[in-house]
Amino acid sequence: MKRAYATLFFSLVYAANLVLGQTSANQDFMRSTGKIYVVVAVILAIFLAIVIFLILLDRRLTKLENQIKQHGSHN
């Protein structure tokens, strides 16, 4: 499971690098005013929050699945 998370993370980092690596007049304006960094920071914060939420949800579901398996084996 950790390998899947690592692969997803590096894929998204690579995609972000491709997107941010392209230059245009609009991006140069955003960089010169510093707003591009705010946009990147907000997107990164949202992405990290979603990843953390999914990891915690996966742990909770695994714990519940184990409890169901243990409860079913007692009967």
PDB file of N, CA and C in Angstrom:
ATOM      1  N   MET A   1       0.822  -1.196   0.000  1.00  0.00           N
ATOM      2  CA  MET A   1       0.000   0.000   0.000  1.00  0.00           C
ATOM      3  C   MET A   1       0.867   1.263   0.000  1.00  0.00           C
ATOM      4  N   LYS A   2       1.970   1.204   0.755  1.00  0.00           N
ATOM      5  CA  LYS A   2       2.845   2.370   0.807  1.00  0.00           C
ATOM      6  C   LYS A   2       3.471   2.648  -0.558  1.00  0.00           C
ATOM      7  N   ARG A   3       3.731   1.570  -1.305  1.00  0.00           N
ATOM      8  CA  ARG A   3       4.309   1.753  -2.628  1.00  0.00           C
ATOM      9  C   ARG A   3       3.334   2.489  -3.544  1.00  0.00           C
ATOM     10  N   ALA A   4       2.049   2.190  -3.411  1.00  0.00           N
ATOM     11  CA  ALA A   4       1.038   2.872  -4.228  1.00  0.00           C
ATOM     12  C   ALA A   4       0.991   4.359  -3.878  1.00  0.00           C
ATOM     13  N   TYR A   5       1.088   4.671  -2.593  1.00  0.00           N
ATOM     14  CA  TYR A   5       1.095   6.072  -2.175  1.00  0.00           C
ATOM     15  C   TYR A   5       2.330   6.790  -2.706  1.00  0.00           C
ATOM     16  N   ALA A   6       3.475   6.123  -2.637  1.00  0.00           N
ATOM     17  CA  ALA A   6       4.708   6.734  -3.130  1.00  0.00           C
ATOM     18  C   ALA A   6       4.637   6.963  -4.632  1.00  0.00           C
ATOM     19  N   THR A   7       4.106   5.985  -5.360  1.00  0.00           N
ATOM     20  CA  THR A   7       3.972   6.129  -6.810  1.00  0.00           C
ATOM     21  C   THR A   7       3.035   7.273  -7.157  1.00  0.00           C
ATOM     22  N   LEU A   8       1.919   7.356  -6.446  1.00  0.00           N
ATOM     23  CA  LEU A   8       0.972   8.444  -6.677  1.00  0.00           C
ATOM     24  C   LEU A   8       1.615   9.792  -6.384  1.00  0.00           C
ATOM     25  N   PHE A   9       2.342   9.871  -5.275  1.00  0.00           N
ATOM     26  CA  PHE A   9       2.979  11.128  -4.887  1.00  0.00           C
ATOM     27  C   PHE A   9       3.972  11.583  -5.952  1.00  0.00           C
ATOM     28  N   PHE A  10       4.861  10.686  -6.374  1.00  0.00           N
ATOM     29  CA  PHE A  10       5.869  11.071  -7.352  1.00  0.00           C
ATOM     30  C   PHE A  10       5.258  11.370  -8.718  1.00  0.00           C
ATOM     31  N   SER A  11       4.174  10.708  -9.060  1.00  0.00           N
ATOM     32  CA  SER A  11       3.489  11.008 -10.312  1.00  0.00           C
ATOM     33  C   SER A  11       2.907  12.415 -10.286  1.00  0.00           C
ATOM     34  N   LEU A  12       2.309  12.773  -9.160  1.00  0.00           N
ATOM     35  CA  LEU A  12       1.736  14.115  -9.049  1.00  0.00           C
ATOM     36  C   LEU A  12       2.810  15.192  -9.003  1.00  0.00           C
ATOM     37  N   VAL A  13       3.920  14.897  -8.347  1.00  0.00           N
ATOM     38  CA  VAL A  13       5.027  15.861  -8.329  1.00  0.00           C
ATOM     39  C   VAL A  13       5.561  16.068  -9.743  1.00  0.00           C
ATOM     40  N   TYR A  14       5.690  14.979 -10.492  1.00  0.00           N
ATOM     41  CA  TYR A  14       6.173  15.079 -11.877  1.00  0.00           C
ATOM     42  C   TYR A  14       5.188  15.878 -12.728  1.00  0.00           C
ATOM     43  N   ALA A  15       3.894  15.608 -12.554  1.00  0.00           N
ATOM     44  CA  ALA A  15       2.885  16.340 -13.325  1.00  0.00           C
ATOM     45  C   ALA A  15       2.906  17.823 -12.972  1.00  0.00           C
ATOM     46  N   ALA A  16       3.044  18.123 -11.692  1.00  0.00           N
ATOM     47  CA  ALA A  16       3.103  19.526 -11.275  1.00  0.00           C
ATOM     48  C   ALA A  16       4.337  20.207 -11.856  1.00  0.00           C
ATOM     49  N   ASN A  17       5.439  19.487 -11.912  1.00  0.00           N
ATOM     50  CA  ASN A  17       6.659  20.042 -12.491  1.00  0.00           C
ATOM     51  C   ASN A  17       6.472  20.348 -13.968  1.00  0.00           C
ATOM     52  N   LEU A  18       5.786  19.474 -14.687  1.00  0.00           N
ATOM     53  CA  LEU A  18       5.526  19.726 -16.100  1.00  0.00           C
ATOM     54  C   LEU A  18       4.638  20.951 -16.288  1.00  0.00           C
ATOM     55  N   VAL A  19       3.608  21.064 -15.460  1.00  0.00           N
ATOM     56  CA  VAL A  19       2.677  22.180 -15.588  1.00  0.00           C
ATOM     57  C   VAL A  19       3.350  23.491 -15.217  1.00  0.00           C
ATOM     58  N   LEU A  20       4.084  23.491 -14.112  1.00  0.00           N
ATOM     59  CA  LEU A  20       4.712  24.730 -13.655  1.00  0.00           C
ATOM     60  C   LEU A  20       5.956  25.065 -14.468  1.00  0.00           C
ATOM     61  N   GLY A  21       6.504  24.110 -15.184  1.00  0.00           N
ATOM     62  CA  GLY A  21       7.690  24.353 -15.983  1.00  0.00           C
ATOM     63  C   GLY A  21       7.407  25.128 -17.258  1.00  0.00           C
ATOM     64  N   GLN A  22       6.162  25.135 -17.694  1.00  0.00           N
ATOM     65  CA  GLN A  22       5.800  25.862 -18.898  1.00  0.00           C
ATOM     66  C   GLN A  22       5.676  27.345 -18.560  1.00  0.00           C
ATOM     67  N   THR A  23       6.119  28.199 -19.472  1.00  0.00           N
ATOM     68  CA  THR A  23       6.074  29.635 -19.210  1.00  0.00           C
ATOM     69  C   THR A  23       5.105  30.305 -20.170  1.00  0.00           C
ATOM     70  N   SER A  24       4.479  31.307 -19.649  1.00  0.00           N
ATOM     71  CA  SER A  24       3.631  32.163 -20.469  1.00  0.00           C
ATOM     72  C   SER A  24       3.628  33.532 -19.819  1.00  0.00           C
ATOM     73  N   ALA A  25       3.038  34.484 -20.485  1.00  0.00           N
ATOM     74  CA  ALA A  25       2.992  35.841 -19.944  1.00  0.00           C
ATOM     75  C   ALA A  25       2.212  35.880 -18.639  1.00  0.00           C
ATOM     76  N   ASN A  26       1.133  35.109 -18.564  1.00  0.00           N
ATOM     77  CA  ASN A  26       0.314  35.089 -17.358  1.00  0.00           C
ATOM     78  C   ASN A  26       1.100  34.497 -16.187  1.00  0.00           C
ATOM     79  N   GLN A  27       1.832  33.425 -16.427  1.00  0.00           N
ATOM     80  CA  GLN A  27       2.610  32.812 -15.357  1.00  0.00           C
ATOM     81  C   GLN A  27       3.750  33.723 -14.917  1.00  0.00           C
ATOM     82  N   ASP A  28       4.372  34.413 -15.855  1.00  0.00           N
ATOM     83  CA  ASP A  28       5.428  35.351 -15.480  1.00  0.00           C
ATOM     84  C   ASP A  28       4.864  36.457 -14.606  1.00  0.00           C
ATOM     85  N   PHE A  29       3.659  36.933 -14.921  1.00  0.00           N
ATOM     86  CA  PHE A  29       3.025  37.948 -14.097  1.00  0.00           C
ATOM     87  C   PHE A  29       2.746  37.411 -12.704  1.00  0.00           C
ATOM     88  N   MET A  30       2.238  36.179 -12.642  1.00  0.00           N
ATOM     89  CA  MET A  30       1.924  35.581 -11.341  1.00  0.00           C
ATOM     90  C   MET A  30       3.203  35.386 -10.523  1.00  0.00           C
ATOM     91  N   ARG A  31       4.265  34.981 -11.162  1.00  0.00           N
ATOM     92  CA  ARG A  31       5.529  34.804 -10.447  1.00  0.00           C
ATOM     93  C   ARG A  31       6.089  36.134  -9.980  1.00  0.00           C
ATOM     94  N   SER A  32       5.993  37.140 -10.802  1.00  0.00           N
ATOM     95  CA  SER A  32       6.563  38.434 -10.437  1.00  0.00           C
ATOM     96  C   SER A  32       5.828  39.057  -9.263  1.00  0.00           C
ATOM     97  N   THR A  33       4.546  38.787  -9.142  1.00  0.00           N
ATOM     98  CA  THR A  33       3.800  39.336  -8.012  1.00  0.00           C
ATOM     99  C   THR A  33       3.800  38.401  -6.812  1.00  0.00           C
ATOM    100  N   GLY A  34       4.303  37.189  -6.973  1.00  0.00           N
ATOM    101  CA  GLY A  34       4.388  36.243  -5.876  1.00  0.00           C
ATOM    102  C   GLY A  34       3.112  35.454  -5.633  1.00  0.00           C
ATOM    103  N   LYS A  35       2.097  35.686  -6.432  1.00  0.00           N
ATOM    104  CA  LYS A  35       0.821  35.003  -6.213  1.00  0.00           C
ATOM    105  C   LYS A  35       0.857  33.539  -6.634  1.00  0.00           C
ATOM    106  N   ILE A  36       1.749  33.192  -7.543  1.00  0.00           N
ATOM    107  CA  ILE A  36       1.829  31.799  -7.984  1.00  0.00           C
ATOM    108  C   ILE A  36       2.206  30.901  -6.819  1.00  0.00           C
ATOM    109  N   TYR A  37       3.027  31.405  -5.923  1.00  0.00           N
ATOM    110  CA  TYR A  37       3.435  30.607  -4.768  1.00  0.00           C
ATOM    111  C   TYR A  37       2.273  30.387  -3.815  1.00  0.00           C
ATOM    112  N   VAL A  38       1.396  31.346  -3.716  1.00  0.00           N
ATOM    113  CA  VAL A  38       0.200  31.179  -2.891  1.00  0.00           C
ATOM    114  C   VAL A  38      -0.704  30.114  -3.510  1.00  0.00           C
ATOM    115  N   VAL A  39      -0.866  30.157  -4.802  1.00  0.00           N
ATOM    116  CA  VAL A  39      -1.701  29.179  -5.497  1.00  0.00           C
ATOM    117  C   VAL A  39      -1.123  27.774  -5.315  1.00  0.00           C
ATOM    118  N   VAL A  40       0.179  27.630  -5.512  1.00  0.00           N
ATOM    119  CA  VAL A  40       0.830  26.336  -5.350  1.00  0.00           C
ATOM    120  C   VAL A  40       0.713  25.852  -3.904  1.00  0.00           C
ATOM    121  N   ALA A  41       0.884  26.740  -2.949  1.00  0.00           N
ATOM    122  CA  ALA A  41       0.784  26.368  -1.536  1.00  0.00           C
ATOM    123  C   ALA A  41      -0.629  25.896  -1.180  1.00  0.00           C
ATOM    124  N   VAL A  42      -1.647  26.569  -1.704  1.00  0.00           N
ATOM    125  CA  VAL A  42      -3.028  26.169  -1.420  1.00  0.00           C
ATOM    126  C   VAL A  42      -3.330  24.812  -2.053  1.00  0.00           C
ATOM    127  N   ILE A  43      -2.910  24.621  -3.286  1.00  0.00           N
ATOM    128  CA  ILE A  43      -3.134  23.333  -3.950  1.00  0.00           C
ATOM    129  C   ILE A  43      -2.406  22.220  -3.207  1.00  0.00           C
ATOM    130  N   LEU A  44      -1.180  22.479  -2.788  1.00  0.00           N
ATOM    131  CA  LEU A  44      -0.412  21.481  -2.042  1.00  0.00           C
ATOM    132  C   LEU A  44      -1.074  21.164  -0.703  1.00  0.00           C
ATOM    133  N   ALA A  45      -1.577  22.181  -0.013  1.00  0.00           N
ATOM    134  CA  ALA A  45      -2.247  21.956   1.268  1.00  0.00           C
ATOM    135  C   ALA A  45      -3.506  21.114   1.093  1.00  0.00           C
ATOM    136  N   ILE A  46      -4.273  21.407   0.060  1.00  0.00           N
ATOM    137  CA  ILE A  46      -5.489  20.628  -0.205  1.00  0.00           C
ATOM    138  C   ILE A  46      -5.125  19.184  -0.545  1.00  0.00           C
ATOM    139  N   PHE A  47      -4.119  19.000  -1.383  1.00  0.00           N
ATOM    140  CA  PHE A  47      -3.690  17.654  -1.756  1.00  0.00           C
ATOM    141  C   PHE A  47      -3.217  16.868  -0.542  1.00  0.00           C
ATOM    142  N   LEU A  48      -2.394  17.496   0.303  1.00  0.00           N
ATOM    143  CA  LEU A  48      -1.907  16.808   1.499  1.00  0.00           C
ATOM    144  C   LEU A  48      -3.043  16.462   2.447  1.00  0.00           C
ATOM    145  N   ALA A  49      -4.013  17.354   2.584  1.00  0.00           N
ATOM    146  CA  ALA A  49      -5.162  17.067   3.450  1.00  0.00           C
ATOM    147  C   ALA A  49      -5.947  15.867   2.930  1.00  0.00           C
ATOM    148  N   ILE A  50      -6.138  15.793   1.633  1.00  0.00           N
ATOM    149  CA  ILE A  50      -6.860  14.659   1.052  1.00  0.00           C
ATOM    150  C   ILE A  50      -6.077  13.365   1.251  1.00  0.00           C
ATOM    151  N   VAL A  51      -4.765  13.396   1.035  1.00  0.00           N
ATOM    152  CA  VAL A  51      -3.942  12.204   1.208  1.00  0.00           C
ATOM    153  C   VAL A  51      -3.962  11.738   2.656  1.00  0.00           C
ATOM    154  N   ILE A  52      -3.821  12.656   3.593  1.00  0.00           N
ATOM    155  CA  ILE A  52      -3.858  12.294   5.015  1.00  0.00           C
ATOM    156  C   ILE A  52      -5.223  11.720   5.376  1.00  0.00           C
ATOM    157  N   PHE A  53      -6.283  12.334   4.890  1.00  0.00           N
ATOM    158  CA  PHE A  53      -7.625  11.817   5.156  1.00  0.00           C
ATOM    159  C   PHE A  53      -7.786  10.403   4.628  1.00  0.00           C
ATOM    160  N   LEU A  54      -7.306  10.149   3.412  1.00  0.00           N
ATOM    161  CA  LEU A  54      -7.436   8.814   2.828  1.00  0.00           C
ATOM    162  C   LEU A  54      -6.610   7.779   3.585  1.00  0.00           C
ATOM    163  N   ILE A  55      -5.430   8.157   4.045  1.00  0.00           N
ATOM    164  CA  ILE A  55      -4.609   7.227   4.826  1.00  0.00           C
ATOM    165  C   ILE A  55      -5.298   6.882   6.139  1.00  0.00           C
ATOM    166  N   LEU A  56      -5.826   7.889   6.833  1.00  0.00           N
ATOM    167  CA  LEU A  56      -6.528   7.629   8.091  1.00  0.00           C
ATOM    168  C   LEU A  56      -7.782   6.796   7.865  1.00  0.00           C
ATOM    169  N   LEU A  57      -8.489   7.080   6.792  1.00  0.00           N
ATOM    170  CA  LEU A  57      -9.688   6.303   6.473  1.00  0.00           C
ATOM    171  C   LEU A  57      -9.329   4.848   6.176  1.00  0.00           C
ATOM    172  N   ASP A  58      -8.234   4.637   5.463  1.00  0.00           N
ATOM    173  CA  ASP A  58      -7.782   3.281   5.163  1.00  0.00           C
ATOM    174  C   ASP A  58      -7.443   2.527   6.443  1.00  0.00           C
ATOM    175  N   ARG A  59      -6.785   3.184   7.378  1.00  0.00           N
ATOM    176  CA  ARG A  59      -6.452   2.541   8.654  1.00  0.00           C
ATOM    177  C   ARG A  59      -7.710   2.177   9.431  1.00  0.00           C
ATOM    178  N   ARG A  60      -8.675   3.074   9.476  1.00  0.00           N
ATOM    179  CA  ARG A  60      -9.924   2.787  10.190  1.00  0.00           C
ATOM    180  C   ARG A  60     -10.668   1.617   9.562  1.00  0.00           C
ATOM    181  N   LEU A  61     -10.718   1.606   8.242  1.00  0.00           N
ATOM    182  CA  LEU A  61     -11.407   0.512   7.556  1.00  0.00           C
ATOM    183  C   LEU A  61     -10.693  -0.817   7.775  1.00  0.00           C
ATOM    184  N   THR A  62      -9.370  -0.799   7.767  1.00  0.00           N
ATOM    185  CA  THR A  62      -8.612  -2.021   8.022  1.00  0.00           C
ATOM    186  C   THR A  62      -8.892  -2.537   9.429  1.00  0.00           C
ATOM    187  N   LYS A  63      -8.939  -1.619  10.395  1.00  0.00           N
ATOM    188  CA  LYS A  63      -9.228  -2.011  11.769  1.00  0.00           C
ATOM    189  C   LYS A  63     -10.638  -2.611  11.868  1.00  0.00           C
ATOM    190  N   LEU A  64     -11.608  -1.997  11.226  1.00  0.00           N
ATOM    191  CA  LEU A  64     -12.973  -2.526  11.237  1.00  0.00           C
ATOM    192  C   LEU A  64     -13.059  -3.888  10.544  1.00  0.00           C
ATOM    193  N   GLU A  65     -12.351  -4.042   9.432  1.00  0.00           N
ATOM    194  CA  GLU A  65     -12.350  -5.326   8.738  1.00  0.00           C
ATOM    195  C   GLU A  65     -11.761  -6.418   9.620  1.00  0.00           C
ATOM    196  N   ASN A  66     -10.702  -6.102  10.340  1.00  0.00           N
ATOM    197  CA  ASN A  66     -10.098  -7.077  11.249  1.00  0.00           C
ATOM    198  C   ASN A  66     -11.057  -7.439  12.377  1.00  0.00           C
ATOM    199  N   GLN A  67     -11.780  -6.456  12.899  1.00  0.00           N
ATOM    200  CA  GLN A  67     -12.753  -6.729  13.951  1.00  0.00           C
ATOM    201  C   GLN A  67     -13.874  -7.623  13.434  1.00  0.00           C
ATOM    202  N   ILE A  68     -14.318  -7.387  12.219  1.00  0.00           N
ATOM    203  CA  ILE A  68     -15.381  -8.211  11.632  1.00  0.00           C
ATOM    204  C   ILE A  68     -14.882  -9.634  11.439  1.00  0.00           C
ATOM    205  N   LYS A  69     -13.638  -9.804  10.973  1.00  0.00           N
ATOM    206  CA  LYS A  69     -13.071 -11.136  10.784  1.00  0.00           C
ATOM    207  C   LYS A  69     -12.946 -11.868  12.116  1.00  0.00           C
ATOM    208  N   GLN A  70     -12.499 -11.155  13.148  1.00  0.00           N
ATOM    209  CA  GLN A  70     -12.353 -11.774  14.463  1.00  0.00           C
ATOM    210  C   GLN A  70     -13.720 -12.148  15.039  1.00  0.00           C
ATOM    211  N   HIS A  71     -14.693 -11.291  14.868  1.00  0.00           N
ATOM    212  CA  HIS A  71     -16.026 -11.557  15.391  1.00  0.00           C
ATOM    213  C   HIS A  71     -16.657 -12.730  14.648  1.00  0.00           C
ATOM    214  N   GLY A  72     -16.429 -12.828  13.368  1.00  0.00           N
ATOM    215  CA  GLY A  72     -16.999 -13.913  12.573  1.00  0.00           C
ATOM    216  C   GLY A  72     -16.351 -15.249  12.887  1.00  0.00           C
ATOM    217  N   SER A  73     -15.079 -15.253  13.274  1.00  0.00           N
ATOM    218  CA  SER A  73     -14.408 -16.522  13.565  1.00  0.00           C
ATOM    219  C   SER A  73     -14.804 -17.070  14.923  1.00  0.00           C
ATOM    220  N   HIS A  74     -15.331 -16.254  15.839  1.00  0.00           N
ATOM    221  CA  HIS A  74     -15.762 -16.723  17.146  1.00  0.00           C
ATOM    222  C   HIS A  74     -17.060 -17.496  17.075  1.00  0.00           C
ATOM    223  N   ASN A  75     -17.883 -17.253  16.075  1.00  0.00           N
ATOM    224  CA  ASN A  75     -19.179 -17.935  15.969  1.00  0.00           C
ATOM    225  C   ASN A  75     -19.053 -19.281  15.358  1.00  0.00           C
TER     226      ASN A  75
END
